[in-house]
Amino acid sequence: MENSRYPMPRTKCGARTRAGGSCRQPAMKNGRCRLHGGKSKSGKEHGRYRHGGRTKEAMEMRRRFAELVRESKRMLREI
């Protein structure tokens, strides 16, 4: 569909409804609308986000801290 509000042609979602027709929502780059497999939420936007303790950044920080503690203990033993 092309008009003054939507200068670029829009594509429809392509998912099938329960009634057998096709979804009338505009599709995103992946060919589906936001309801049928569009963007997935992650991080704080996701409904199951609790505290952030299992994020990649937090886990990497704990690994670095553990390595620092191990190295400190090894140095203290050598003294």
Protein backbone atom coordinates (compact mmCIF):
# COMPACT_ATOMS: atom_id res chain seq x y z
CA MET A 1 0.00 0.00 0.00
CA GLU A 2 1.43 3.33 -1.02
CA ASN A 3 -0.03 6.75 -0.20
CA SER A 4 1.05 10.09 1.22
CA ARG A 5 1.38 8.74 4.79
CA TYR A 6 3.34 5.66 3.71
CA PRO A 7 5.58 6.63 0.80
CA MET A 8 7.20 3.17 0.72
CA PRO A 9 5.15 0.10 -0.17
CA ARG A 10 4.18 -1.84 2.96
CA THR A 11 4.16 -5.58 3.22
CA LYS A 12 1.71 -7.49 5.35
CA CYS A 13 2.67 -9.92 8.10
CA GLY A 14 1.77 -13.15 6.35
CA ALA A 15 0.76 -15.08 9.48
CA ARG A 16 -2.58 -16.86 9.41
CA THR A 17 -5.39 -15.89 11.76
CA ARG A 18 -7.70 -18.33 13.54
CA ALA A 19 -10.42 -17.47 11.05
CA GLY A 20 -8.16 -18.55 8.19
CA GLY A 21 -7.35 -15.12 6.80
CA SER A 22 -3.98 -13.44 6.90
CA CYS A 23 -2.77 -10.96 9.51
CA ARG A 24 -3.32 -7.36 8.44
CA GLN A 25 -0.51 -5.84 10.52
CA PRO A 26 2.48 -4.31 8.69
CA ALA A 27 5.51 -6.57 8.58
CA MET A 28 9.00 -5.75 9.82
CA LYS A 29 12.29 -6.72 8.17
CA ASN A 30 11.90 -10.38 9.11
CA GLY A 31 8.53 -10.62 7.37
CA ARG A 32 6.37 -10.84 10.50
CA CYS A 33 4.60 -8.21 12.57
CA ARG A 34 5.35 -7.35 16.18
CA LEU A 35 2.72 -9.84 17.36
CA HIS A 36 3.77 -12.83 15.25
CA GLY A 37 7.50 -13.10 15.74
CA GLY A 38 8.82 -9.60 15.46
CA LYS A 39 11.28 -8.03 17.86
CA SER A 40 11.93 -10.04 20.98
CA LYS A 41 12.45 -8.21 24.23
CA SER A 42 15.60 -8.66 26.24
CA GLY A 43 17.04 -7.25 29.41
CA LYS A 44 14.94 -4.87 31.44
CA GLU A 45 12.18 -4.77 28.81
CA HIS A 46 11.58 -8.51 29.18
CA GLY A 47 8.89 -9.49 31.68
CA ARG A 48 11.06 -12.09 33.44
CA TYR A 49 13.97 -9.73 34.14
CA ARG A 50 14.62 -9.76 37.88
CA HIS A 51 17.98 -8.46 39.06
CA GLY A 52 20.56 -8.65 36.28
CA GLY A 53 22.81 -11.13 38.09
CA ARG A 54 22.85 -13.49 35.10
CA THR A 55 23.70 -10.93 32.43
CA LYS A 56 26.85 -11.42 30.39
CA GLU A 57 28.43 -8.34 31.93
CA ALA A 58 27.75 -9.43 35.52
CA MET A 59 29.07 -12.96 34.92
CA GLU A 60 32.22 -11.62 33.27
CA MET A 61 32.79 -9.23 36.18
CA ARG A 62 32.51 -12.13 38.66
CA ARG A 63 34.99 -14.18 36.60
CA ARG A 64 37.50 -11.31 36.60
CA PHE A 65 37.05 -10.79 40.34
CA ALA A 66 37.56 -14.51 41.06
CA GLU A 67 40.74 -14.52 38.96
CA LEU A 68 41.99 -11.46 40.87
CA VAL A 69 41.30 -13.19 44.21
CA ARG A 70 43.13 -16.36 43.06
CA GLU A 71 46.10 -14.33 41.90
CA SER A 72 46.18 -12.39 45.18
CA LYS A 73 46.12 -15.61 47.22
CA ARG A 74 48.93 -17.07 45.11
CA MET A 75 51.04 -13.94 45.64
CA LEU A 76 50.40 -14.01 49.41
CA ARG A 77 51.49 -17.66 49.59
CA GLU A 78 54.75 -16.79 47.86
CA ILE A 79 55.54 -14.05 50.39
